Amino acid sequence: MRKNMNVKSEVNMKENPSLSKSKNLSLLQCPKRLWLELNRPNLVEEDEDVQARLAAGSHVGETARGLFRGGILVEGKSMDERIQKTKKLLCSHSSPLYEAAFRHKKV
């Protein structure tokens, strides 16, 4: 039986912590892996399996954009930039938004 792990975090606060599909999967795989990704990203080793999962995720996104055509891909250099673009697009467009970014209570 798996123990509930409480891993204390020293999250790098250069940018507010964000929740993403890949971070959620890291947490489900191993809470210590997520801690490492957030606090010591230079120590994370990405093997061929990780690269394959990232490629599959990209493929899923491309497929979704193909199914729901006419949308807008939200891009930006930082999470804050993507959040601001998402807010503006939600107010000005009714098209689907791809990779939209949100923040709720600092997450």
PDB file of N, CA and C in Angstrom:
ATOM      1  N   MET A   1       0.840  -1.179   0.000  1.00  0.00           N
ATOM      2  CA  MET A   1       0.000   0.000   0.000  1.00  0.00           C
ATOM      3  C   MET A   1       0.886   1.244   0.000  1.00  0.00           C
ATOM      4  N   ARG A   2       0.558   2.189  -0.855  1.00  0.00           N
ATOM      5  CA  ARG A   2       1.374   3.392  -1.006  1.00  0.00           C
ATOM      6  C   ARG A   2       1.086   4.380   0.116  1.00  0.00           C
ATOM      7  N   LYS A   3       2.128   4.870   0.732  1.00  0.00           N
ATOM      8  CA  LYS A   3       1.964   5.858   1.794  1.00  0.00           C
ATOM      9  C   LYS A   3       1.695   7.228   1.186  1.00  0.00           C
ATOM     10  N   ASN A   4       0.924   8.034   1.894  1.00  0.00           N
ATOM     11  CA  ASN A   4       0.706   9.415   1.477  1.00  0.00           C
ATOM     12  C   ASN A   4       1.988  10.185   1.780  1.00  0.00           C
ATOM     13  N   MET A   5       2.617  10.708   0.762  1.00  0.00           N
ATOM     14  CA  MET A   5       3.903  11.375   0.932  1.00  0.00           C
ATOM     15  C   MET A   5       3.704  12.877   1.008  1.00  0.00           C
ATOM     16  N   ASN A   6       4.196  13.466   2.052  1.00  0.00           N
ATOM     17  CA  ASN A   6       4.193  14.921   2.177  1.00  0.00           C
ATOM     18  C   ASN A   6       5.609  15.402   1.901  1.00  0.00           C
ATOM     19  N   VAL A   7       5.818  15.906   0.708  1.00  0.00           N
ATOM     20  CA  VAL A   7       7.141  16.363   0.317  1.00  0.00           C
ATOM     21  C   VAL A   7       7.174  17.868   0.448  1.00  0.00           C
ATOM     22  N   LYS A   8       7.992  18.379   1.361  1.00  0.00           N
ATOM     23  CA  LYS A   8       8.110  19.828   1.512  1.00  0.00           C
ATOM     24  C   LYS A   8       8.809  20.397   0.290  1.00  0.00           C
ATOM     25  N   SER A   9       8.330  21.529  -0.141  1.00  0.00           N
ATOM     26  CA  SER A   9       8.878  22.136  -1.345  1.00  0.00           C
ATOM     27  C   SER A   9       9.572  23.451  -1.040  1.00  0.00           C
ATOM     28  N   GLU A  10      10.644  23.673  -1.757  1.00  0.00           N
ATOM     29  CA  GLU A  10      11.353  24.944  -1.724  1.00  0.00           C
ATOM     30  C   GLU A  10      11.230  25.547  -3.113  1.00  0.00           C
ATOM     31  N   VAL A  11       9.995  25.647  -3.595  1.00  0.00           N
ATOM     32  CA  VAL A  11       9.729  26.012  -4.974  1.00  0.00           C
ATOM     33  C   VAL A  11      10.468  27.278  -5.356  1.00  0.00           C
ATOM     34  N   ASN A  12      11.101  27.208  -6.506  1.00  0.00           N
ATOM     35  CA  ASN A  12      11.783  28.355  -7.074  1.00  0.00           C
ATOM     36  C   ASN A  12      10.724  29.407  -7.391  1.00  0.00           C
ATOM     37  N   MET A  13      10.805  30.557  -6.764  1.00  0.00           N
ATOM     38  CA  MET A  13       9.760  31.553  -6.892  1.00  0.00           C
ATOM     39  C   MET A  13      10.089  32.647  -7.907  1.00  0.00           C
ATOM     40  N   LYS A  14      10.954  32.379  -8.874  1.00  0.00           N
ATOM     41  CA  LYS A  14      11.201  33.356  -9.930  1.00  0.00           C
ATOM     42  C   LYS A  14       9.887  33.666 -10.631  1.00  0.00           C
ATOM     43  N   GLU A  15       9.067  32.661 -10.766  1.00  0.00           N
ATOM     44  CA  GLU A  15       7.750  32.798 -11.360  1.00  0.00           C
ATOM     45  C   GLU A  15       6.826  32.001 -10.447  1.00  0.00           C
ATOM     46  N   ASN A  16       5.592  32.454 -10.287  1.00  0.00           N
ATOM     47  CA  ASN A  16       4.668  31.708  -9.441  1.00  0.00           C
ATOM     48  C   ASN A  16       4.602  30.266  -9.923  1.00  0.00           C
ATOM     49  N   PRO A  17       4.480  29.320  -9.003  1.00  0.00           N
ATOM     50  CA  PRO A  17       4.405  27.928  -9.439  1.00  0.00           C
ATOM     51  C   PRO A  17       3.171  27.723 -10.306  1.00  0.00           C
ATOM     52  N   SER A  18       3.296  26.908 -11.309  1.00  0.00           N
ATOM     53  CA  SER A  18       2.180  26.659 -12.205  1.00  0.00           C
ATOM     54  C   SER A  18       1.885  25.169 -12.241  1.00  0.00           C
ATOM     55  N   LEU A  19       0.671  24.848 -12.577  1.00  0.00           N
ATOM     56  CA  LEU A  19       0.230  23.476 -12.691  1.00  0.00           C
ATOM     57  C   LEU A  19       0.113  23.168 -14.173  1.00  0.00           C
ATOM     58  N   SER A  20       0.724  22.099 -14.606  1.00  0.00           N
ATOM     59  CA  SER A  20       0.658  21.715 -16.011  1.00  0.00           C
ATOM     60  C   SER A  20       0.392  20.222 -16.100  1.00  0.00           C
ATOM     61  N   LYS A  21       0.090  19.776 -17.321  1.00  0.00           N
ATOM     62  CA  LYS A  21      -0.135  18.342 -17.514  1.00  0.00           C
ATOM     63  C   LYS A  21       1.105  17.551 -17.128  1.00  0.00           C
ATOM     64  N   SER A  22       2.269  18.018 -17.539  1.00  0.00           N
ATOM     65  CA  SER A  22       3.496  17.267 -17.262  1.00  0.00           C
ATOM     66  C   SER A  22       3.827  17.265 -15.766  1.00  0.00           C
ATOM     67  N   LYS A  23       3.578  18.380 -15.071  1.00  0.00           N
ATOM     68  CA  LYS A  23       3.835  18.412 -13.627  1.00  0.00           C
ATOM     69  C   LYS A  23       2.859  17.496 -12.889  1.00  0.00           C
ATOM     70  N   ASN A  24       1.614  17.481 -13.340  1.00  0.00           N
ATOM     71  CA  ASN A  24       0.636  16.596 -12.727  1.00  0.00           C
ATOM     72  C   ASN A  24       1.047  15.131 -12.909  1.00  0.00           C
ATOM     73  N   LEU A  25       1.507  14.789 -14.102  1.00  0.00           N
ATOM     74  CA  LEU A  25       1.958  13.413 -14.348  1.00  0.00           C
ATOM     75  C   LEU A  25       3.189  13.073 -13.508  1.00  0.00           C
ATOM     76  N   SER A  26       4.091  14.032 -13.354  1.00  0.00           N
ATOM     77  CA  SER A  26       5.270  13.797 -12.508  1.00  0.00           C
ATOM     78  C   SER A  26       4.846  13.524 -11.068  1.00  0.00           C
ATOM     79  N   LEU A  27       3.869  14.281 -10.577  1.00  0.00           N
ATOM     80  CA  LEU A  27       3.381  14.078  -9.217  1.00  0.00           C
ATOM     81  C   LEU A  27       2.758  12.698  -9.064  1.00  0.00           C
ATOM     82  N   LEU A  28       1.956  12.292 -10.041  1.00  0.00           N
ATOM     83  CA  LEU A  28       1.329  10.977  -9.976  1.00  0.00           C
ATOM     84  C   LEU A  28       2.362   9.858 -10.044  1.00  0.00           C
ATOM     85  N   GLN A  29       3.401  10.074 -10.847  1.00  0.00           N
ATOM     86  CA  GLN A  29       4.453   9.069 -10.990  1.00  0.00           C
ATOM     87  C   GLN A  29       5.260   8.949  -9.701  1.00  0.00           C
ATOM     88  N   CYS A  30       5.661  10.108  -9.155  1.00  0.00           N
ATOM     89  CA  CYS A  30       6.483  10.102  -7.948  1.00  0.00           C
ATOM     90  C   CYS A  30       6.581  11.527  -7.408  1.00  0.00           C
ATOM     91  N   PRO A  31       6.049  11.797  -6.216  1.00  0.00           N
ATOM     92  CA  PRO A  31       6.106  13.159  -5.669  1.00  0.00           C
ATOM     93  C   PRO A  31       7.535  13.712  -5.589  1.00  0.00           C
ATOM     94  N   LYS A  32       8.499  12.842  -5.360  1.00  0.00           N
ATOM     95  CA  LYS A  32       9.883  13.316  -5.289  1.00  0.00           C
ATOM     96  C   LYS A  32      10.377  13.782  -6.658  1.00  0.00           C
ATOM     97  N   ARG A  33       9.852  13.171  -7.722  1.00  0.00           N
ATOM     98  CA  ARG A  33      10.222  13.606  -9.075  1.00  0.00           C
ATOM     99  C   ARG A  33       9.759  15.041  -9.306  1.00  0.00           C
ATOM    100  N   LEU A  34       8.522  15.344  -8.897  1.00  0.00           N
ATOM    101  CA  LEU A  34       8.019  16.702  -9.052  1.00  0.00           C
ATOM    102  C   LEU A  34       8.869  17.683  -8.250  1.00  0.00           C
ATOM    103  N   TRP A  35       9.218  17.314  -7.027  1.00  0.00           N
ATOM    104  CA  TRP A  35      10.064  18.185  -6.205  1.00  0.00           C
ATOM    105  C   TRP A  35      11.372  18.479  -6.934  1.00  0.00           C
ATOM    106  N   LEU A  36      11.968  17.446  -7.496  1.00  0.00           N
ATOM    107  CA  LEU A  36      13.229  17.610  -8.213  1.00  0.00           C
ATOM    108  C   LEU A  36      13.052  18.537  -9.413  1.00  0.00           C
ATOM    109  N   GLU A  37      11.987  18.353 -10.171  1.00  0.00           N
ATOM    110  CA  GLU A  37      11.740  19.199 -11.340  1.00  0.00           C
ATOM    111  C   GLU A  37      11.568  20.669 -10.955  1.00  0.00           C
ATOM    112  N   LEU A  38      10.932  20.910  -9.807  1.00  0.00           N
ATOM    113  CA  LEU A  38      10.683  22.288  -9.377  1.00  0.00           C
ATOM    114  C   LEU A  38      11.894  22.934  -8.725  1.00  0.00           C
ATOM    115  N   ASN A  39      12.641  22.157  -7.974  1.00  0.00           N
ATOM    116  CA  ASN A  39      13.706  22.722  -7.147  1.00  0.00           C
ATOM    117  C   ASN A  39      15.114  22.506  -7.679  1.00  0.00           C
ATOM    118  N   ARG A  40      15.323  21.469  -8.419  1.00  0.00           N
ATOM    119  CA  ARG A  40      16.648  21.152  -8.967  1.00  0.00           C
ATOM    120  C   ARG A  40      16.530  20.686 -10.421  1.00  0.00           C
ATOM    121  N   PRO A  41      15.980  21.536 -11.300  1.00  0.00           N
ATOM    122  CA  PRO A  41      15.727  21.096 -12.675  1.00  0.00           C
ATOM    123  C   PRO A  41      16.988  20.675 -13.423  1.00  0.00           C
ATOM    124  N   ASN A  42      18.137  21.182 -13.016  1.00  0.00           N
ATOM    125  CA  ASN A  42      19.382  20.805 -13.681  1.00  0.00           C
ATOM    126  C   ASN A  42      19.757  19.351 -13.408  1.00  0.00           C
ATOM    127  N   LEU A  43      19.168  18.728 -12.406  1.00  0.00           N
ATOM    128  CA  LEU A  43      19.476  17.334 -12.077  1.00  0.00           C
ATOM    129  C   LEU A  43      18.520  16.338 -12.734  1.00  0.00           C
ATOM    130  N   VAL A  44      17.467  16.832 -13.360  1.00  0.00           N
ATOM    131  CA  VAL A  44      16.483  15.953 -13.990  1.00  0.00           C
ATOM    132  C   VAL A  44      17.078  15.354 -15.259  1.00  0.00           C
ATOM    133  N   GLU A  45      16.995  14.043 -15.353  1.00  0.00           N
ATOM    134  CA  GLU A  45      17.469  13.349 -16.550  1.00  0.00           C
ATOM    135  C   GLU A  45      16.261  12.905 -17.362  1.00  0.00           C
ATOM    136  N   GLU A  46      16.233  13.290 -18.615  1.00  0.00           N
ATOM    137  CA  GLU A  46      15.132  12.903 -19.487  1.00  0.00           C
ATOM    138  C   GLU A  46      15.612  11.816 -20.434  1.00  0.00           C
ATOM    139  N   ASP A  47      15.154  10.603 -20.201  1.00  0.00           N
ATOM    140  CA  ASP A  47      15.556   9.485 -21.038  1.00  0.00           C
ATOM    141  C   ASP A  47      14.642   9.398 -22.263  1.00  0.00           C
ATOM    142  N   GLU A  48      14.833   8.354 -23.060  1.00  0.00           N
ATOM    143  CA  GLU A  48      14.044   8.201 -24.284  1.00  0.00           C
ATOM    144  C   GLU A  48      12.563   8.044 -23.986  1.00  0.00           C
ATOM    145  N   ASP A  49      12.237   7.406 -22.860  1.00  0.00           N
ATOM    146  CA  ASP A  49      10.843   7.218 -22.486  1.00  0.00           C
ATOM    147  C   ASP A  49      10.166   8.566 -22.228  1.00  0.00           C
ATOM    148  N   VAL A  50      10.859   9.447 -21.518  1.00  0.00           N
ATOM    149  CA  VAL A  50      10.317  10.779 -21.239  1.00  0.00           C
ATOM    150  C   VAL A  50      10.135  11.541 -22.547  1.00  0.00           C
ATOM    151  N   GLN A  51      11.124  11.475 -23.409  1.00  0.00           N
ATOM    152  CA  GLN A  51      11.025  12.157 -24.698  1.00  0.00           C
ATOM    153  C   GLN A  51       9.850  11.627 -25.512  1.00  0.00           C
ATOM    154  N   ALA A  52       9.613  10.321 -25.455  1.00  0.00           N
ATOM    155  CA  ALA A  52       8.492   9.721 -26.186  1.00  0.00           C
ATOM    156  C   ALA A  52       7.158  10.219 -25.638  1.00  0.00           C
ATOM    157  N   ARG A  53       7.043  10.344 -24.304  1.00  0.00           N
ATOM    158  CA  ARG A  53       5.804  10.849 -23.709  1.00  0.00           C
ATOM    159  C   ARG A  53       5.576  12.310 -24.087  1.00  0.00           C
ATOM    160  N   LEU A  54       6.640  13.107 -24.109  1.00  0.00           N
ATOM    161  CA  LEU A  54       6.501  14.512 -24.510  1.00  0.00           C
ATOM    162  C   LEU A  54       6.052  14.610 -25.967  1.00  0.00           C
ATOM    163  N   ALA A  55       6.617  13.778 -26.818  1.00  0.00           N
ATOM    164  CA  ALA A  55       6.227  13.775 -28.233  1.00  0.00           C
ATOM    165  C   ALA A  55       4.762  13.351 -28.385  1.00  0.00           C
ATOM    166  N   ALA A  56       4.341  12.350 -27.595  1.00  0.00           N
ATOM    167  CA  ALA A  56       2.947  11.901 -27.642  1.00  0.00           C
ATOM    168  C   ALA A  56       2.021  13.027 -27.188  1.00  0.00           C
ATOM    169  N   GLY A  57       2.417  13.761 -26.152  1.00  0.00           N
ATOM    170  CA  GLY A  57       1.614  14.891 -25.682  1.00  0.00           C
ATOM    171  C   GLY A  57       1.481  15.963 -26.745  1.00  0.00           C
ATOM    172  N   SER A  58       2.559  16.229 -27.446  1.00  0.00           N
ATOM    173  CA  SER A  58       2.514  17.214 -28.541  1.00  0.00           C
ATOM    174  C   SER A  58       1.578  16.743 -29.642  1.00  0.00           C
ATOM    175  N   HIS A  59       1.631  15.446 -29.926  1.00  0.00           N
ATOM    176  CA  HIS A  59       0.765  14.873 -30.963  1.00  0.00           C
ATOM    177  C   HIS A  59      -0.707  15.002 -30.561  1.00  0.00           C
ATOM    178  N   VAL A  60      -1.013  14.762 -29.290  1.00  0.00           N
ATOM    179  CA  VAL A  60      -2.393  14.903 -28.811  1.00  0.00           C
ATOM    180  C   VAL A  60      -2.866  16.341 -28.988  1.00  0.00           C
ATOM    181  N   GLY A  61      -2.011  17.311 -28.648  1.00  0.00           N
ATOM    182  CA  GLY A  61      -2.368  18.712 -28.819  1.00  0.00           C
ATOM    183  C   GLY A  61      -2.634  19.066 -30.267  1.00  0.00           C
ATOM    184  N   GLU A  62      -1.785  18.574 -31.164  1.00  0.00           N
ATOM    185  CA  GLU A  62      -1.968  18.832 -32.594  1.00  0.00           C
ATOM    186  C   GLU A  62      -3.263  18.196 -33.096  1.00  0.00           C
ATOM    187  N   THR A  63      -3.557  17.001 -32.629  1.00  0.00           N
ATOM    188  CA  THR A  63      -4.791  16.314 -33.026  1.00  0.00           C
ATOM    189  C   THR A  63      -6.009  17.092 -32.541  1.00  0.00           C
ATOM    190  N   ALA A  64      -5.967  17.562 -31.303  1.00  0.00           N
ATOM    191  CA  ALA A  64      -7.083  18.355 -30.756  1.00  0.00           C
ATOM    192  C   ALA A  64      -7.295  19.621 -31.570  1.00  0.00           C
ATOM    193  N   ARG A  65      -6.203  20.282 -31.945  1.00  0.00           N
ATOM    194  CA  ARG A  65      -6.334  21.501 -32.755  1.00  0.00           C
ATOM    195  C   ARG A  65      -6.941  21.180 -34.118  1.00  0.00           C
ATOM    196  N   GLY A  66      -6.655  19.990 -34.632  1.00  0.00           N
ATOM    197  CA  GLY A  66      -7.248  19.572 -35.902  1.00  0.00           C
ATOM    198  C   GLY A  66      -8.741  19.293 -35.779  1.00  0.00           C
ATOM    199  N   LEU A  67      -9.151  18.768 -34.635  1.00  0.00           N
ATOM    200  CA  LEU A  67     -10.565  18.464 -34.413  1.00  0.00           C
ATOM    201  C   LEU A  67     -11.396  19.717 -34.134  1.00  0.00           C
ATOM    202  N   PHE A  68     -10.790  20.689 -33.488  1.00  0.00           N
ATOM    203  CA  PHE A  68     -11.477  21.928 -33.123  1.00  0.00           C
ATOM    204  C   PHE A  68     -10.792  23.087 -33.837  1.00  0.00           C
ATOM    205  N   ARG A  69     -10.993  23.134 -35.129  1.00  0.00           N
ATOM    206  CA  ARG A  69     -10.317  24.124 -35.972  1.00  0.00           C
ATOM    207  C   ARG A  69     -10.792  25.543 -35.683  1.00  0.00           C
ATOM    208  N   GLY A  70      -9.934  26.485 -36.070  1.00  0.00           N
ATOM    209  CA  GLY A  70     -10.303  27.890 -35.965  1.00  0.00           C
ATOM    210  C   GLY A  70      -9.972  28.508 -34.624  1.00  0.00           C
ATOM    211  N   GLY A  71      -9.280  27.770 -33.795  1.00  0.00           N
ATOM    212  CA  GLY A  71      -8.924  28.294 -32.484  1.00  0.00           C
ATOM    213  C   GLY A  71      -7.630  29.075 -32.511  1.00  0.00           C
ATOM    214  N   ILE A  72      -7.239  29.538 -31.344  1.00  0.00           N
ATOM    215  CA  ILE A  72      -6.036  30.361 -31.202  1.00  0.00           C
ATOM    216  C   ILE A  72      -5.095  29.674 -30.214  1.00  0.00           C
ATOM    217  N   LEU A  73      -3.856  29.484 -30.628  1.00  0.00           N
ATOM    218  CA  LEU A  73      -2.833  28.905 -29.760  1.00  0.00           C
ATOM    219  C   LEU A  73      -2.269  30.011 -28.877  1.00  0.00           C
ATOM    220  N   VAL A  74      -2.380  29.842 -27.563  1.00  0.00           N
ATOM    221  CA  VAL A  74      -1.872  30.837 -26.614  1.00  0.00           C
ATOM    222  C   VAL A  74      -0.409  30.517 -26.346  1.00  0.00           C
ATOM    223  N   GLU A  75       0.464  31.419 -26.769  1.00  0.00           N
ATOM    224  CA  GLU A  75       1.902  31.218 -26.584  1.00  0.00           C
ATOM    225  C   GLU A  75       2.478  32.383 -25.791  1.00  0.00           C
ATOM    226  N   GLY A  76       3.614  32.148 -25.177  1.00  0.00           N
ATOM    227  CA  GLY A  76       4.293  33.198 -24.438  1.00  0.00           C
ATOM    228  C   GLY A  76       5.559  32.648 -23.815  1.00  0.00           C
ATOM    229  N   LYS A  77       6.449  33.548 -23.464  1.00  0.00           N
ATOM    230  CA  LYS A  77       7.733  33.138 -22.884  1.00  0.00           C
ATOM    231  C   LYS A  77       7.608  32.733 -21.430  1.00  0.00           C
ATOM    232  N   SER A  78       6.586  33.236 -20.739  1.00  0.00           N
ATOM    233  CA  SER A  78       6.418  32.921 -19.322  1.00  0.00           C
ATOM    234  C   SER A  78       4.961  32.573 -19.056  1.00  0.00           C
ATOM    235  N   MET A  79       4.727  31.946 -17.918  1.00  0.00           N
ATOM    236  CA  MET A  79       3.357  31.620 -17.529  1.00  0.00           C
ATOM    237  C   MET A  79       2.539  32.896 -17.362  1.00  0.00           C
ATOM    238  N   ASP A  80       3.122  33.925 -16.763  1.00  0.00           N
ATOM    239  CA  ASP A  80       2.405  35.188 -16.579  1.00  0.00           C
ATOM    240  C   ASP A  80       1.969  35.780 -17.920  1.00  0.00           C
ATOM    241  N   GLU A  81       2.843  35.713 -18.905  1.00  0.00           N
ATOM    242  CA  GLU A  81       2.503  36.232 -20.236  1.00  0.00           C
ATOM    243  C   GLU A  81       1.358  35.425 -20.851  1.00  0.00           C
ATOM    244  N   ARG A  82       1.388  34.110 -20.708  1.00  0.00           N
ATOM    245  CA  ARG A  82       0.323  33.269 -21.265  1.00  0.00           C
ATOM    246  C   ARG A  82      -1.003  33.510 -20.529  1.00  0.00           C
ATOM    247  N   ILE A  83      -0.941  33.756 -19.229  1.00  0.00           N
ATOM    248  CA  ILE A  83      -2.154  34.054 -18.463  1.00  0.00           C
ATOM    249  C   ILE A  83      -2.770  35.357 -18.944  1.00  0.00           C
ATOM    250  N   GLN A  84      -1.952  36.390 -19.136  1.00  0.00           N
ATOM    251  CA  GLN A  84      -2.467  37.679 -19.606  1.00  0.00           C
ATOM    252  C   GLN A  84      -3.073  37.556 -21.001  1.00  0.00           C
ATOM    253  N   LYS A  85      -2.403  36.816 -21.891  1.00  0.00           N
ATOM    254  CA  LYS A  85      -2.945  36.617 -23.241  1.00  0.00           C
ATOM    255  C   LYS A  85      -4.268  35.867 -23.189  1.00  0.00           C
ATOM    256  N   THR A  86      -4.345  34.859 -22.322  1.00  0.00           N
ATOM    257  CA  THR A  86      -5.596  34.095 -22.185  1.00  0.00           C
ATOM    258  C   THR A  86      -6.724  35.009 -21.744  1.00  0.00           C
ATOM    259  N   LYS A  87      -6.479  35.858 -20.743  1.00  0.00           N
ATOM    260  CA  LYS A  87      -7.515  36.781 -20.259  1.00  0.00           C
ATOM    261  C   LYS A  87      -8.010  37.673 -21.386  1.00  0.00           C
ATOM    262  N   LYS A  88      -7.088  38.249 -22.156  1.00  0.00           N
ATOM    263  CA  LYS A  88      -7.466  39.143 -23.255  1.00  0.00           C
ATOM    264  C   LYS A  88      -8.273  38.402 -24.314  1.00  0.00           C
ATOM    265  N   LEU A  89      -7.810  37.191 -24.653  1.00  0.00           N
ATOM    266  CA  LEU A  89      -8.496  36.417 -25.687  1.00  0.00           C
ATOM    267  C   LEU A  89      -9.887  35.981 -25.236  1.00  0.00           C
ATOM    268  N   LEU A  90     -10.055  35.649 -23.969  1.00  0.00           N
ATOM    269  CA  LEU A  90     -11.373  35.258 -23.470  1.00  0.00           C
ATOM    270  C   LEU A  90     -12.365  36.415 -23.562  1.00  0.00           C
ATOM    271  N   CYS A  91     -11.872  37.628 -23.408  1.00  0.00           N
ATOM    272  CA  CYS A  91     -12.737  38.812 -23.482  1.00  0.00           C
ATOM    273  C   CYS A  91     -13.046  39.222 -24.910  1.00  0.00           C
ATOM    274  N   SER A  92     -12.186  38.871 -25.851  1.00  0.00           N
ATOM    275  CA  SER A  92     -12.332  39.406 -27.205  1.00  0.00           C
ATOM    276  C   SER A  92     -12.660  38.373 -28.277  1.00  0.00           C
ATOM    277  N   HIS A  93     -12.600  37.083 -27.952  1.00  0.00           N
ATOM    278  CA  HIS A  93     -12.845  36.042 -28.965  1.00  0.00           C
ATOM    279  C   HIS A  93     -13.762  34.969 -28.408  1.00  0.00           C
ATOM    280  N   SER A  94     -14.474  34.339 -29.328  1.00  0.00           N
ATOM    281  CA  SER A  94     -15.297  33.206 -28.923  1.00  0.00           C
ATOM    282  C   SER A  94     -14.729  31.903 -29.489  1.00  0.00           C
ATOM    283  N   SER A  95     -13.560  31.985 -30.101  1.00  0.00           N
ATOM    284  CA  SER A  95     -12.911  30.818 -30.676  1.00  0.00           C
ATOM    285  C   SER A  95     -12.320  29.949 -29.571  1.00  0.00           C
ATOM    286  N   PRO A  96     -12.119  28.656 -29.865  1.00  0.00           N
ATOM    287  CA  PRO A  96     -11.423  27.803 -28.892  1.00  0.00           C
ATOM    288  C   PRO A  96     -10.008  28.335 -28.640  1.00  0.00           C
ATOM    289  N   LEU A  97      -9.537  28.189 -27.423  1.00  0.00           N
ATOM    290  CA  LEU A  97      -8.164  28.563 -27.084  1.00  0.00           C
ATOM    291  C   LEU A  97      -7.378  27.281 -26.811  1.00  0.00           C
ATOM    292  N   TYR A  98      -6.244  27.160 -27.467  1.00  0.00           N
ATOM    293  CA  TYR A  98      -5.379  26.008 -27.276  1.00  0.00           C
ATOM    294  C   TYR A  98      -4.266  26.385 -26.306  1.00  0.00           C
ATOM    295  N   GLU A  99      -4.026  25.543 -25.332  1.00  0.00           N
ATOM    296  CA  GLU A  99      -2.975  25.743 -24.318  1.00  0.00           C
ATOM    297  C   GLU A  99      -3.212  27.018 -23.514  1.00  0.00           C
ATOM    298  N   ALA A 100      -4.499  27.307 -23.237  1.00  0.00           N
ATOM    299  CA  ALA A 100      -4.843  28.478 -22.425  1.00  0.00           C
ATOM    300  C   ALA A 100      -4.242  28.325 -21.029  1.00  0.00           C
ATOM    301  N   ALA A 101      -3.933  29.438 -20.395  1.00  0.00           N
ATOM    302  CA  ALA A 101      -3.301  29.413 -19.065  1.00  0.00           C
ATOM    303  C   ALA A 101      -4.148  30.208 -18.081  1.00  0.00           C
ATOM    304  N   PHE A 102      -4.271  29.679 -16.879  1.00  0.00           N
ATOM    305  CA  PHE A 102      -5.079  30.299 -15.840  1.00  0.00           C
ATOM    306  C   PHE A 102      -4.330  30.275 -14.525  1.00  0.00           C
ATOM    307  N   ARG A 103      -4.718  31.172 -13.624  1.00  0.00           N
ATOM    308  CA  ARG A 103      -4.174  31.157 -12.267  1.00  0.00           C
ATOM    309  C   ARG A 103      -5.349  31.333 -11.313  1.00  0.00           C
ATOM    310  N   HIS A 104      -5.362  30.509 -10.280  1.00  0.00           N
ATOM    311  CA  HIS A 104      -6.386  30.609  -9.242  1.00  0.00           C
ATOM    312  C   HIS A 104      -5.707  30.458  -7.889  1.00  0.00           C
ATOM    313  N   LYS A 105      -5.816  31.439  -7.057  1.00  0.00           N
ATOM    314  CA  LYS A 105      -5.206  31.420  -5.723  1.00  0.00           C
ATOM    315  C   LYS A 105      -3.717  31.071  -5.799  1.00  0.00           C
ATOM    316  N   LYS A 106      -2.997  31.765  -6.656  1.00  0.00           N
ATOM    317  CA  LYS A 106      -1.552  31.645  -6.824  1.00  0.00           C
ATOM    318  C   LYS A 106      -1.082  30.305  -7.405  1.00  0.00           C
ATOM    319  N   VAL A 107      -2.009  29.530  -7.956  1.00  0.00           N
ATOM    320  CA  VAL A 107      -1.625  28.270  -8.636  1.00  0.00           C
ATOM    321  C   VAL A 107      -2.098  28.340 -10.060  1.00  0.00           C
TER     322      VAL A 107
END
